[in-house]
N, C-alpha and C. Protein backbone atom coordinates (compact mmCIF):
# COMPACT_ATOMS: atom_id res chain seq x y z
N MET A 1 -18.54 -25.21 21.01
CA MET A 1 -19.19 -24.67 19.84
C MET A 1 -18.37 -23.53 19.25
N GLY A 2 -17.77 -22.69 19.93
CA GLY A 2 -17.04 -21.57 19.35
C GLY A 2 -17.63 -20.26 19.78
N LYS A 3 -17.00 -19.22 19.32
CA LYS A 3 -17.39 -17.86 19.68
C LYS A 3 -18.73 -17.47 19.05
N ASN A 4 -19.50 -16.71 19.78
CA ASN A 4 -20.72 -16.11 19.22
C ASN A 4 -20.33 -14.74 18.66
N TYR A 5 -20.45 -14.59 17.36
CA TYR A 5 -20.07 -13.35 16.70
C TYR A 5 -21.24 -12.39 16.64
N THR A 6 -20.90 -11.12 16.49
CA THR A 6 -21.91 -10.08 16.27
C THR A 6 -21.84 -9.67 14.81
N VAL A 7 -22.91 -9.08 14.31
CA VAL A 7 -22.92 -8.58 12.93
C VAL A 7 -21.81 -7.54 12.76
N LYS A 8 -21.59 -6.69 13.75
CA LYS A 8 -20.56 -5.65 13.68
C LYS A 8 -19.17 -6.26 13.47
N GLU A 9 -18.92 -7.43 14.05
CA GLU A 9 -17.63 -8.10 13.88
C GLU A 9 -17.46 -8.70 12.49
N LEU A 10 -18.54 -9.04 11.84
CA LEU A 10 -18.47 -9.76 10.57
C LEU A 10 -18.74 -8.91 9.34
N LEU A 11 -19.54 -7.86 9.48
CA LEU A 11 -19.93 -7.04 8.33
C LEU A 11 -19.19 -5.71 8.37
N LYS A 12 -18.43 -5.44 7.34
CA LYS A 12 -17.71 -4.16 7.20
C LYS A 12 -18.37 -3.37 6.08
N LEU A 13 -19.12 -2.34 6.44
CA LEU A 13 -19.84 -1.53 5.47
C LEU A 13 -18.93 -0.48 4.84
N PRO A 14 -19.32 0.04 3.67
CA PRO A 14 -18.53 1.12 3.07
C PRO A 14 -18.36 2.27 4.06
N GLY A 15 -17.14 2.78 4.11
CA GLY A 15 -16.85 3.89 5.01
C GLY A 15 -16.46 3.45 6.41
N GLU A 16 -16.63 2.19 6.73
CA GLU A 16 -16.23 1.68 8.04
C GLU A 16 -14.82 1.11 7.99
N GLY A 17 -14.17 1.13 9.12
CA GLY A 17 -12.83 0.57 9.23
C GLY A 17 -11.99 1.43 10.14
N GLU A 18 -10.82 0.94 10.42
CA GLU A 18 -9.89 1.61 11.32
C GLU A 18 -8.90 2.42 10.48
N SER A 19 -8.99 3.75 10.52
CA SER A 19 -8.10 4.60 9.74
C SER A 19 -6.71 4.63 10.36
N MET A 20 -5.73 4.28 9.56
CA MET A 20 -4.33 4.28 9.98
C MET A 20 -3.53 4.96 8.87
N ASN A 21 -3.14 6.21 9.13
CA ASN A 21 -2.38 6.96 8.15
C ASN A 21 -3.20 7.08 6.86
N ALA A 22 -2.68 6.63 5.74
CA ALA A 22 -3.40 6.75 4.48
C ALA A 22 -4.19 5.49 4.14
N MET A 23 -4.26 4.55 5.08
CA MET A 23 -4.95 3.28 4.85
C MET A 23 -6.13 3.16 5.81
N VAL A 24 -7.13 2.38 5.40
CA VAL A 24 -8.24 2.01 6.28
C VAL A 24 -8.18 0.50 6.43
N ILE A 25 -7.98 0.04 7.65
CA ILE A 25 -7.91 -1.39 7.90
C ILE A 25 -9.33 -1.92 7.95
N LYS A 26 -9.66 -2.80 7.02
CA LYS A 26 -10.99 -3.40 6.94
C LYS A 26 -11.07 -4.67 7.77
N ALA A 27 -9.99 -5.46 7.78
CA ALA A 27 -9.93 -6.67 8.60
C ALA A 27 -8.48 -6.89 9.00
N ARG A 28 -8.25 -6.97 10.30
CA ARG A 28 -6.91 -7.23 10.81
C ARG A 28 -6.59 -8.73 10.69
N THR A 29 -5.30 -9.02 10.70
CA THR A 29 -4.88 -10.42 10.60
C THR A 29 -5.43 -11.25 11.76
N GLU A 30 -5.57 -10.65 12.92
CA GLU A 30 -6.12 -11.40 14.07
C GLU A 30 -7.57 -11.83 13.81
N ASP A 31 -8.28 -11.08 12.96
CA ASP A 31 -9.66 -11.44 12.59
C ASP A 31 -9.69 -12.58 11.57
N LEU A 32 -8.56 -12.82 10.91
CA LEU A 32 -8.50 -13.79 9.81
C LEU A 32 -7.47 -14.88 10.10
N SER A 33 -7.50 -15.38 11.32
CA SER A 33 -6.64 -16.50 11.76
C SER A 33 -5.16 -16.23 11.56
N GLY A 34 -4.75 -14.97 11.57
CA GLY A 34 -3.34 -14.62 11.42
C GLY A 34 -2.79 -14.81 10.02
N GLN A 35 -3.66 -15.13 9.06
CA GLN A 35 -3.21 -15.45 7.71
C GLN A 35 -2.97 -14.22 6.83
N PHE A 36 -3.88 -13.25 6.88
CA PHE A 36 -3.74 -12.06 6.04
C PHE A 36 -4.60 -10.94 6.59
N GLY A 37 -4.30 -9.72 6.14
CA GLY A 37 -5.07 -8.54 6.50
C GLY A 37 -5.59 -7.86 5.25
N ILE A 38 -6.63 -7.06 5.42
CA ILE A 38 -7.25 -6.35 4.31
C ILE A 38 -7.28 -4.86 4.64
N MET A 39 -6.72 -4.06 3.74
CA MET A 39 -6.73 -2.61 3.88
C MET A 39 -7.25 -1.99 2.60
N GLU A 40 -7.79 -0.78 2.73
CA GLU A 40 -8.29 -0.05 1.58
C GLU A 40 -7.67 1.34 1.58
N SER A 41 -7.43 1.88 0.41
CA SER A 41 -6.85 3.22 0.31
C SER A 41 -7.25 3.88 -1.00
N VAL A 42 -6.99 5.16 -1.06
CA VAL A 42 -7.18 5.95 -2.27
C VAL A 42 -5.83 6.56 -2.62
N LEU A 43 -5.41 6.36 -3.85
CA LEU A 43 -4.17 6.98 -4.32
C LEU A 43 -4.55 8.22 -5.11
N SER A 44 -4.15 9.36 -4.59
CA SER A 44 -4.48 10.64 -5.22
C SER A 44 -3.87 10.74 -6.61
N PRO A 45 -4.45 11.58 -7.45
CA PRO A 45 -3.86 11.79 -8.78
C PRO A 45 -2.40 12.22 -8.69
N LYS A 46 -1.60 11.69 -9.59
CA LYS A 46 -0.20 12.07 -9.74
C LYS A 46 0.65 11.78 -8.50
N THR A 47 0.31 10.73 -7.74
CA THR A 47 1.11 10.33 -6.59
C THR A 47 1.54 8.87 -6.72
N MET A 48 2.54 8.50 -5.91
CA MET A 48 3.18 7.20 -6.03
C MET A 48 3.38 6.56 -4.66
N ILE A 49 3.32 5.23 -4.63
CA ILE A 49 3.79 4.43 -3.51
C ILE A 49 5.25 4.12 -3.85
N ALA A 50 6.17 4.54 -3.00
CA ALA A 50 7.61 4.43 -3.27
C ALA A 50 8.06 2.99 -3.51
N PRO A 51 9.12 2.81 -4.30
CA PRO A 51 9.66 1.47 -4.55
C PRO A 51 10.11 0.82 -3.23
N HIS A 52 9.68 -0.41 -3.02
CA HIS A 52 10.03 -1.13 -1.80
C HIS A 52 9.79 -2.62 -2.01
N ARG A 53 10.22 -3.40 -1.04
CA ARG A 53 9.95 -4.84 -1.05
C ARG A 53 9.64 -5.28 0.38
N HIS A 54 8.90 -6.36 0.49
CA HIS A 54 8.53 -6.93 1.78
C HIS A 54 9.28 -8.25 1.93
N GLU A 55 10.14 -8.33 2.91
CA GLU A 55 10.94 -9.54 3.10
C GLU A 55 10.12 -10.72 3.61
N HIS A 56 8.98 -10.44 4.30
CA HIS A 56 8.27 -11.53 4.97
C HIS A 56 6.85 -11.79 4.48
N GLU A 57 6.35 -11.03 3.50
CA GLU A 57 4.98 -11.30 3.06
C GLU A 57 4.80 -10.98 1.58
N ALA A 58 3.90 -11.74 0.98
CA ALA A 58 3.44 -11.44 -0.38
C ALA A 58 2.18 -10.58 -0.23
N GLN A 59 1.83 -9.87 -1.29
CA GLN A 59 0.65 -9.03 -1.27
C GLN A 59 -0.08 -9.13 -2.59
N ALA A 60 -1.33 -8.68 -2.56
CA ALA A 60 -2.11 -8.54 -3.78
C ALA A 60 -2.89 -7.24 -3.66
N VAL A 61 -3.10 -6.60 -4.79
CA VAL A 61 -3.89 -5.37 -4.86
C VAL A 61 -5.09 -5.64 -5.77
N TYR A 62 -6.24 -5.14 -5.37
CA TYR A 62 -7.42 -5.16 -6.22
C TYR A 62 -7.79 -3.71 -6.48
N VAL A 63 -7.85 -3.32 -7.75
CA VAL A 63 -8.19 -1.95 -8.13
C VAL A 63 -9.71 -1.83 -8.18
N ILE A 64 -10.26 -1.02 -7.28
CA ILE A 64 -11.71 -0.83 -7.21
C ILE A 64 -12.18 0.15 -8.28
N SER A 65 -11.50 1.30 -8.34
CA SER A 65 -11.88 2.32 -9.33
C SER A 65 -10.64 3.07 -9.78
N GLY A 66 -10.71 3.64 -10.97
CA GLY A 66 -9.56 4.31 -11.55
C GLY A 66 -8.61 3.30 -12.16
N GLU A 67 -7.35 3.71 -12.32
CA GLU A 67 -6.34 2.80 -12.82
C GLU A 67 -5.01 3.14 -12.17
N LEU A 68 -4.17 2.12 -12.05
CA LEU A 68 -2.86 2.29 -11.43
C LEU A 68 -1.79 1.74 -12.37
N GLU A 69 -0.64 2.38 -12.34
CA GLU A 69 0.54 1.91 -13.08
C GLU A 69 1.42 1.17 -12.09
N PHE A 70 1.86 -0.03 -12.45
CA PHE A 70 2.69 -0.85 -11.57
C PHE A 70 4.05 -1.10 -12.18
N GLU A 71 5.03 -1.21 -11.29
CA GLU A 71 6.36 -1.71 -11.63
C GLU A 71 6.65 -2.82 -10.62
N VAL A 72 6.88 -4.03 -11.11
CA VAL A 72 7.17 -5.17 -10.25
C VAL A 72 8.50 -5.77 -10.72
N GLY A 73 9.48 -5.79 -9.83
CA GLY A 73 10.79 -6.35 -10.17
C GLY A 73 11.89 -5.31 -10.25
N GLY A 74 11.63 -4.11 -9.75
CA GLY A 74 12.67 -3.08 -9.73
C GLY A 74 12.80 -2.35 -11.05
N ALA A 75 13.91 -1.62 -11.20
CA ALA A 75 14.13 -0.75 -12.36
C ALA A 75 14.02 -1.49 -13.69
N GLY A 76 14.47 -2.71 -13.76
CA GLY A 76 14.39 -3.47 -15.01
C GLY A 76 13.21 -4.42 -15.05
N GLY A 77 12.30 -4.25 -14.11
CA GLY A 77 11.17 -5.17 -13.99
C GLY A 77 10.05 -4.90 -14.96
N LEU A 78 8.92 -5.51 -14.70
CA LEU A 78 7.74 -5.36 -15.54
C LEU A 78 7.00 -4.08 -15.18
N ARG A 79 6.49 -3.39 -16.20
CA ARG A 79 5.64 -2.22 -16.00
C ARG A 79 4.35 -2.45 -16.75
N PHE A 80 3.23 -2.13 -16.08
CA PHE A 80 1.93 -2.35 -16.72
C PHE A 80 0.87 -1.50 -16.05
N THR A 81 -0.23 -1.31 -16.80
CA THR A 81 -1.39 -0.56 -16.31
C THR A 81 -2.42 -1.56 -15.81
N ALA A 82 -2.98 -1.26 -14.63
CA ALA A 82 -4.01 -2.11 -14.04
C ALA A 82 -5.31 -1.31 -13.95
N PRO A 83 -6.29 -1.61 -14.80
CA PRO A 83 -7.57 -0.89 -14.75
C PRO A 83 -8.45 -1.40 -13.61
N ALA A 84 -9.53 -0.68 -13.36
CA ALA A 84 -10.50 -1.11 -12.34
C ALA A 84 -10.91 -2.55 -12.59
N GLY A 85 -11.01 -3.33 -11.52
CA GLY A 85 -11.37 -4.73 -11.62
C GLY A 85 -10.18 -5.67 -11.69
N SER A 86 -8.96 -5.12 -11.78
CA SER A 86 -7.74 -5.93 -11.87
C SER A 86 -7.23 -6.36 -10.51
N TYR A 87 -6.59 -7.52 -10.49
CA TYR A 87 -5.85 -8.01 -9.33
C TYR A 87 -4.37 -8.02 -9.71
N ILE A 88 -3.52 -7.56 -8.82
CA ILE A 88 -2.09 -7.52 -9.07
C ILE A 88 -1.38 -8.29 -7.96
N ILE A 89 -0.54 -9.23 -8.31
CA ILE A 89 0.23 -10.00 -7.34
C ILE A 89 1.58 -9.32 -7.14
N LYS A 90 1.96 -9.14 -5.88
CA LYS A 90 3.28 -8.59 -5.54
C LYS A 90 4.00 -9.65 -4.70
N PRO A 91 4.87 -10.44 -5.34
CA PRO A 91 5.52 -11.56 -4.64
C PRO A 91 6.42 -11.10 -3.49
N GLN A 92 6.55 -11.96 -2.51
CA GLN A 92 7.42 -11.72 -1.36
C GLN A 92 8.84 -11.48 -1.81
N GLY A 93 9.48 -10.45 -1.26
CA GLY A 93 10.88 -10.17 -1.53
C GLY A 93 11.17 -9.49 -2.85
N VAL A 94 10.15 -9.19 -3.65
CA VAL A 94 10.34 -8.58 -4.97
C VAL A 94 9.98 -7.10 -4.88
N GLN A 95 10.90 -6.25 -5.33
CA GLN A 95 10.65 -4.81 -5.29
C GLN A 95 9.46 -4.44 -6.17
N HIS A 96 8.65 -3.53 -5.69
CA HIS A 96 7.50 -3.05 -6.46
C HIS A 96 7.19 -1.61 -6.07
N CYS A 97 6.48 -0.94 -6.94
CA CYS A 97 5.93 0.38 -6.65
C CYS A 97 4.74 0.57 -7.59
N PHE A 98 3.91 1.54 -7.25
CA PHE A 98 2.81 1.85 -8.17
C PHE A 98 2.42 3.29 -8.00
N TRP A 99 1.75 3.81 -9.04
CA TRP A 99 1.41 5.23 -9.05
C TRP A 99 0.11 5.44 -9.82
N ASN A 100 -0.46 6.60 -9.56
CA ASN A 100 -1.67 7.02 -10.25
C ASN A 100 -1.27 8.14 -11.20
N ALA A 101 -1.14 7.84 -12.46
CA ALA A 101 -0.71 8.82 -13.46
C ALA A 101 -1.87 9.67 -13.98
N THR A 102 -3.09 9.36 -13.55
CA THR A 102 -4.27 10.05 -14.07
C THR A 102 -4.60 11.29 -13.23
N ASN A 103 -5.64 11.97 -13.63
CA ASN A 103 -6.12 13.15 -12.90
C ASN A 103 -7.29 12.81 -11.98
N GLU A 104 -7.61 11.52 -11.83
CA GLU A 104 -8.71 11.07 -10.97
C GLU A 104 -8.17 10.17 -9.86
N PRO A 105 -8.74 10.22 -8.67
CA PRO A 105 -8.31 9.31 -7.60
C PRO A 105 -8.54 7.85 -8.01
N ALA A 106 -7.70 6.97 -7.48
CA ALA A 106 -7.84 5.53 -7.71
C ALA A 106 -8.01 4.84 -6.35
N ARG A 107 -9.08 4.06 -6.21
CA ARG A 107 -9.33 3.31 -4.97
C ARG A 107 -8.85 1.87 -5.16
N TYR A 108 -8.23 1.34 -4.10
CA TYR A 108 -7.75 -0.04 -4.19
C TYR A 108 -7.81 -0.73 -2.83
N ILE A 109 -7.78 -2.04 -2.87
CA ILE A 109 -7.73 -2.88 -1.68
C ILE A 109 -6.37 -3.57 -1.68
N GLU A 110 -5.73 -3.58 -0.51
CA GLU A 110 -4.44 -4.23 -0.32
C GLU A 110 -4.66 -5.48 0.55
N LEU A 111 -4.27 -6.63 0.04
CA LEU A 111 -4.33 -7.88 0.80
C LEU A 111 -2.89 -8.27 1.12
N SER A 112 -2.58 -8.41 2.40
CA SER A 112 -1.21 -8.71 2.81
C SER A 112 -1.15 -9.99 3.61
N GLY A 113 -0.27 -10.90 3.19
CA GLY A 113 -0.07 -12.14 3.93
C GLY A 113 0.64 -11.87 5.24
N GLY A 114 0.17 -12.43 6.32
CA GLY A 114 0.80 -12.26 7.63
C GLY A 114 0.57 -10.88 8.23
N ARG A 115 1.25 -10.63 9.34
CA ARG A 115 1.05 -9.40 10.11
C ARG A 115 2.04 -8.28 9.78
N GLY A 116 3.08 -8.56 9.02
CA GLY A 116 4.18 -7.61 8.83
C GLY A 116 3.77 -6.25 8.32
N PHE A 117 2.99 -6.20 7.23
CA PHE A 117 2.61 -4.91 6.66
C PHE A 117 1.65 -4.17 7.59
N GLU A 118 0.74 -4.89 8.21
CA GLU A 118 -0.19 -4.29 9.16
C GLU A 118 0.58 -3.65 10.33
N GLU A 119 1.57 -4.35 10.86
CA GLU A 119 2.38 -3.81 11.95
C GLU A 119 3.19 -2.60 11.48
N PHE A 120 3.68 -2.63 10.25
CA PHE A 120 4.38 -1.48 9.66
C PHE A 120 3.46 -0.27 9.65
N VAL A 121 2.24 -0.43 9.14
CA VAL A 121 1.27 0.67 9.09
C VAL A 121 0.94 1.16 10.51
N ASP A 122 0.77 0.24 11.45
CA ASP A 122 0.49 0.61 12.84
C ASP A 122 1.59 1.47 13.45
N ASP A 123 2.84 1.22 13.07
CA ASP A 123 3.97 1.93 13.66
C ASP A 123 4.22 3.32 13.08
N ILE A 124 3.51 3.67 12.03
CA ILE A 124 3.68 5.01 11.44
C ILE A 124 2.61 5.93 12.01
N VAL A 125 3.02 6.77 12.95
CA VAL A 125 2.08 7.70 13.57
C VAL A 125 1.95 8.95 12.71
N ASP A 126 3.07 9.44 12.20
CA ASP A 126 3.10 10.63 11.37
C ASP A 126 3.86 10.25 10.10
N ALA A 127 3.27 10.49 8.95
CA ALA A 127 3.88 10.05 7.69
C ALA A 127 5.07 10.92 7.30
N ASN A 128 6.13 10.86 8.11
CA ASN A 128 7.35 11.57 7.72
C ASN A 128 8.40 10.53 7.32
N PRO A 129 9.32 10.90 6.44
CA PRO A 129 10.26 9.92 5.89
C PRO A 129 11.08 9.16 6.93
N LEU A 130 11.52 9.83 7.99
CA LEU A 130 12.34 9.14 8.99
C LEU A 130 11.53 8.09 9.73
N GLU A 131 10.30 8.39 10.07
CA GLU A 131 9.45 7.43 10.77
C GLU A 131 9.11 6.25 9.86
N ILE A 132 8.83 6.54 8.60
CA ILE A 132 8.52 5.47 7.64
C ILE A 132 9.73 4.55 7.47
N LYS A 133 10.94 5.13 7.36
CA LYS A 133 12.14 4.31 7.23
C LYS A 133 12.36 3.47 8.48
N LYS A 134 12.19 4.05 9.66
CA LYS A 134 12.38 3.30 10.91
C LYS A 134 11.40 2.13 10.99
N ALA A 135 10.12 2.39 10.70
CA ALA A 135 9.11 1.32 10.71
C ALA A 135 9.43 0.28 9.65
N GLY A 136 9.88 0.74 8.49
CA GLY A 136 10.24 -0.18 7.42
C GLY A 136 11.39 -1.09 7.81
N ASP A 137 12.43 -0.53 8.43
CA ASP A 137 13.56 -1.34 8.87
C ASP A 137 13.11 -2.37 9.91
N THR A 138 12.26 -1.94 10.84
CA THR A 138 11.76 -2.84 11.89
C THR A 138 10.98 -4.01 11.32
N HIS A 139 10.14 -3.75 10.33
CA HIS A 139 9.23 -4.77 9.79
C HIS A 139 9.67 -5.31 8.44
N GLN A 140 10.91 -5.00 8.04
CA GLN A 140 11.47 -5.51 6.80
C GLN A 140 10.66 -5.11 5.57
N VAL A 141 10.17 -3.86 5.58
CA VAL A 141 9.59 -3.24 4.39
C VAL A 141 10.68 -2.28 3.93
N LEU A 142 11.47 -2.69 2.95
CA LEU A 142 12.71 -2.01 2.60
C LEU A 142 12.54 -1.14 1.36
N PHE A 143 12.77 0.17 1.54
CA PHE A 143 12.55 1.17 0.50
C PHE A 143 13.82 1.43 -0.30
N ASP A 144 13.63 1.72 -1.58
CA ASP A 144 14.72 2.12 -2.47
C ASP A 144 14.55 3.62 -2.74
N VAL A 145 14.95 4.43 -1.78
CA VAL A 145 14.70 5.88 -1.85
C VAL A 145 15.46 6.57 -2.98
N LYS A 146 16.58 5.98 -3.40
CA LYS A 146 17.38 6.59 -4.47
C LYS A 146 16.61 6.67 -5.78
N ARG A 147 15.64 5.78 -5.99
CA ARG A 147 14.90 5.75 -7.25
C ARG A 147 13.72 6.72 -7.29
N ILE A 148 13.32 7.23 -6.13
CA ILE A 148 12.10 8.05 -6.05
C ILE A 148 12.15 9.30 -6.94
N PRO A 149 13.18 10.15 -6.85
CA PRO A 149 13.15 11.37 -7.69
C PRO A 149 13.02 11.09 -9.18
N LYS A 150 13.76 10.09 -9.68
CA LYS A 150 13.71 9.77 -11.11
C LYS A 150 12.31 9.29 -11.51
N LEU A 151 11.70 8.43 -10.70
CA LEU A 151 10.36 7.94 -11.01
C LEU A 151 9.34 9.07 -11.00
N LEU A 152 9.45 9.97 -10.03
CA LEU A 152 8.52 11.10 -9.96
C LEU A 152 8.63 11.96 -11.21
N LEU A 153 9.85 12.26 -11.62
CA LEU A 153 10.06 13.08 -12.83
C LEU A 153 9.62 12.34 -14.08
N GLN A 154 10.03 11.10 -14.20
CA GLN A 154 9.74 10.29 -15.39
C GLN A 154 8.24 10.16 -15.65
N HIS A 155 7.44 10.06 -14.58
CA HIS A 155 6.01 9.83 -14.74
C HIS A 155 5.17 11.07 -14.41
N ARG A 156 5.86 12.21 -14.28
CA ARG A 156 5.21 13.52 -14.03
C ARG A 156 4.28 13.47 -12.82
N LEU A 157 4.83 12.96 -11.71
CA LEU A 157 4.06 12.83 -10.48
C LEU A 157 4.36 13.99 -9.53
N LYS A 158 3.41 14.30 -8.66
CA LYS A 158 3.56 15.40 -7.70
C LYS A 158 4.31 15.00 -6.44
N GLY A 159 4.18 13.74 -6.05
CA GLY A 159 4.83 13.32 -4.82
C GLY A 159 4.43 11.92 -4.41
N LEU A 160 4.76 11.59 -3.17
CA LEU A 160 4.48 10.28 -2.63
C LEU A 160 3.13 10.25 -1.94
N HIS A 161 2.54 9.09 -1.88
CA HIS A 161 1.25 8.88 -1.22
C HIS A 161 1.33 9.44 0.20
N GLY A 162 0.49 10.38 0.52
CA GLY A 162 0.46 10.98 1.85
C GLY A 162 1.46 12.09 2.04
N MET A 163 2.35 12.32 1.06
CA MET A 163 3.37 13.36 1.15
C MET A 163 3.48 14.05 -0.21
N ILE A 164 2.54 14.92 -0.51
CA ILE A 164 2.48 15.55 -1.84
C ILE A 164 3.65 16.47 -2.10
N ASP A 165 4.12 17.21 -1.11
CA ASP A 165 5.19 18.19 -1.32
C ASP A 165 6.54 17.49 -1.31
N VAL A 166 7.05 17.18 -2.49
CA VAL A 166 8.30 16.45 -2.63
C VAL A 166 9.46 17.23 -2.03
N GLN A 167 9.45 18.57 -2.13
CA GLN A 167 10.54 19.38 -1.60
C GLN A 167 10.70 19.19 -0.10
N LYS A 168 9.61 19.00 0.62
CA LYS A 168 9.67 18.80 2.06
C LYS A 168 9.95 17.33 2.42
N THR A 169 9.79 16.44 1.45
CA THR A 169 9.95 15.02 1.71
C THR A 169 11.43 14.61 1.67
N PHE A 170 12.20 15.14 0.70
CA PHE A 170 13.60 14.72 0.56
C PHE A 170 14.50 15.93 0.54
């Protein structure tokens, strides 16, 4: 017949989940037949997720509240605003970044194919640049750090997600 599940295993209420760095894991890939994982996060005002690409997984973002600015395809790629209720596809191997240019927090859900991004998040104990780069190299989440200062200045951002003080970051 199969496993007998509990309500706790199947129902994830608001505020519940496994906090990992700046993300809350709502469902691990092991809970979803190894196919994908679900994480939730809040992007603070005037902060950015650094430009990067995932060699082994595609992702999608659902904007719950607020709005996010996306760049998909690197420096010459597409740029667009995603309001609350939007879904954004981030194809495997394609550089992307996003930021909150507003003065209000933006909540979003991250859906990641496979275990790679989840394992990357698991390996970051302290959100410092060297640890993030090491975890990124291990899990093929490859950052384009050279572009970060220009993007921060261009979009009048304070810093990176989880690392507001840019002076201490680079």
